Protein backbone atom coordinates (compact mmCIF):
# COMPACT_ATOMS: atom_id res chain seq x y z
CA UNK A 1 -76.71 -132.30 47.48
CA UNK A 2 -79.87 -131.20 49.29
CA UNK A 3 -80.32 -134.73 50.65
CA UNK A 4 -76.68 -134.83 51.79
CA UNK A 5 -77.08 -131.46 53.55
CA UNK A 6 -80.03 -132.95 55.48
CA UNK A 7 -77.97 -136.03 56.42
CA UNK A 8 -79.83 -138.31 54.02
CA UNK A 9 -78.12 -140.80 51.72
CA UNK A 10 -78.18 -140.54 47.95
CA UNK A 11 -76.91 -143.20 45.50
CA UNK A 12 -74.88 -140.54 43.71
CA UNK A 13 -72.75 -140.09 46.84
CA UNK A 14 -72.76 -143.70 48.07
CA UNK A 15 -70.03 -146.31 48.11
CA UNK A 16 -70.33 -149.55 46.16
CA UNK A 17 -69.80 -153.04 47.53
CA UNK A 18 -66.22 -152.97 46.20
CA UNK A 19 -65.61 -150.18 48.76
CA UNK A 20 -67.61 -151.92 51.50
CA UNK A 21 -70.73 -149.87 50.76
CA UNK A 22 -74.31 -151.04 50.32
CA UNK A 23 -74.74 -150.20 46.61
CA UNK A 24 -74.00 -152.49 43.67
CA UNK A 25 -71.97 -149.66 42.09
CA UNK A 26 -70.45 -146.63 43.74
CA UNK A 27 -71.19 -143.05 42.86
CA UNK A 28 -68.57 -140.96 41.05
CA UNK A 29 -66.67 -140.22 44.26
CA UNK A 30 -66.42 -143.90 45.19
CA UNK A 31 -65.78 -145.78 41.94
CA UNK A 32 -62.92 -148.23 42.29
CA UNK A 33 -60.64 -148.41 39.23
CA UNK A 34 -60.93 -152.20 39.22
CA UNK A 35 -64.69 -151.76 38.62
CA UNK A 36 -64.31 -148.99 36.05
CA UNK A 37 -65.99 -149.54 32.68
CA UNK A 38 -65.32 -146.99 29.91
CA UNK A 39 -68.36 -145.07 28.67
CA UNK A 40 -68.34 -144.92 24.84
CA UNK A 41 -67.39 -141.45 23.61
CA UNK A 42 -66.66 -140.00 27.07
CA UNK A 43 -63.06 -139.51 28.22
CA UNK A 44 -62.52 -139.66 31.99
CA UNK A 45 -59.76 -138.90 34.47
CA UNK A 46 -60.26 -140.50 37.86
CA UNK A 47 -58.46 -141.16 41.12
CA UNK A 48 -59.41 -142.68 44.46
CA UNK A 49 -57.77 -146.04 43.75
CA UNK A 50 -54.11 -145.96 44.84
CA UNK A 51 -51.57 -147.67 42.64
CA UNK A 52 -47.91 -147.40 41.79
CA UNK A 53 -48.42 -146.34 38.17
CA UNK A 54 -50.85 -144.31 36.10
CA UNK A 55 -53.46 -146.69 34.67
CA UNK A 56 -55.16 -146.38 31.30
CA UNK A 57 -58.35 -147.95 29.94
CA UNK A 58 -59.29 -147.68 26.28
CA UNK A 59 -62.63 -148.63 24.83
CA UNK A 60 -65.70 -147.44 23.02
CA UNK A 61 -63.95 -144.45 21.47
CA UNK A 62 -62.77 -143.19 24.87
CA UNK A 63 -59.46 -142.89 26.69
CA UNK A 64 -59.52 -143.02 30.48
CA UNK A 65 -56.86 -142.60 33.15
CA UNK A 66 -56.54 -143.26 36.87
CA UNK A 67 -54.00 -140.77 38.22
CA UNK A 68 -53.91 -141.87 41.88
CA UNK A 69 -50.28 -142.96 42.33
CA UNK A 70 -49.67 -142.96 46.10
CA UNK A 71 -47.89 -139.69 46.82
CA UNK A 72 -46.44 -139.57 43.32
CA UNK A 73 -46.25 -136.41 41.29
CA UNK A 74 -48.70 -136.88 38.42
CA UNK A 75 -50.69 -134.27 36.57
CA UNK A 76 -52.85 -134.09 33.49
CA UNK A 77 -52.60 -131.18 31.11
CA UNK A 78 -55.37 -130.58 28.57
CA UNK A 79 -54.32 -128.23 25.82
CA UNK A 80 -55.99 -127.67 22.45
CA UNK A 81 -58.02 -130.85 22.84
CA UNK A 82 -55.02 -133.08 23.62
CA UNK A 83 -54.27 -134.63 26.98
CA UNK A 84 -50.75 -135.08 28.29
CA UNK A 85 -50.17 -137.13 31.45
CA UNK A 86 -47.12 -135.78 33.20
CA UNK A 87 -45.21 -138.13 35.49
CA UNK A 88 -42.44 -137.35 37.91
């Protein structure tokens, strides 16, 4: 964040080639769902890749969702260790 505040680039904040950036892979704010690879044991909820439906990727003991649904009403509710994806 210090580099960004000084106007310097940092791979953590950069876009990947799938988003017309210069990096092989984008940082967490630029990851495209089509490039997403589940990390074993880590559950993730992401956005930033518009689609018409909620997308799910399972693998390596993790469950992952992309909730970006183009102006759709979608939310995720985490309660007592369980995730519920709520759709309109």
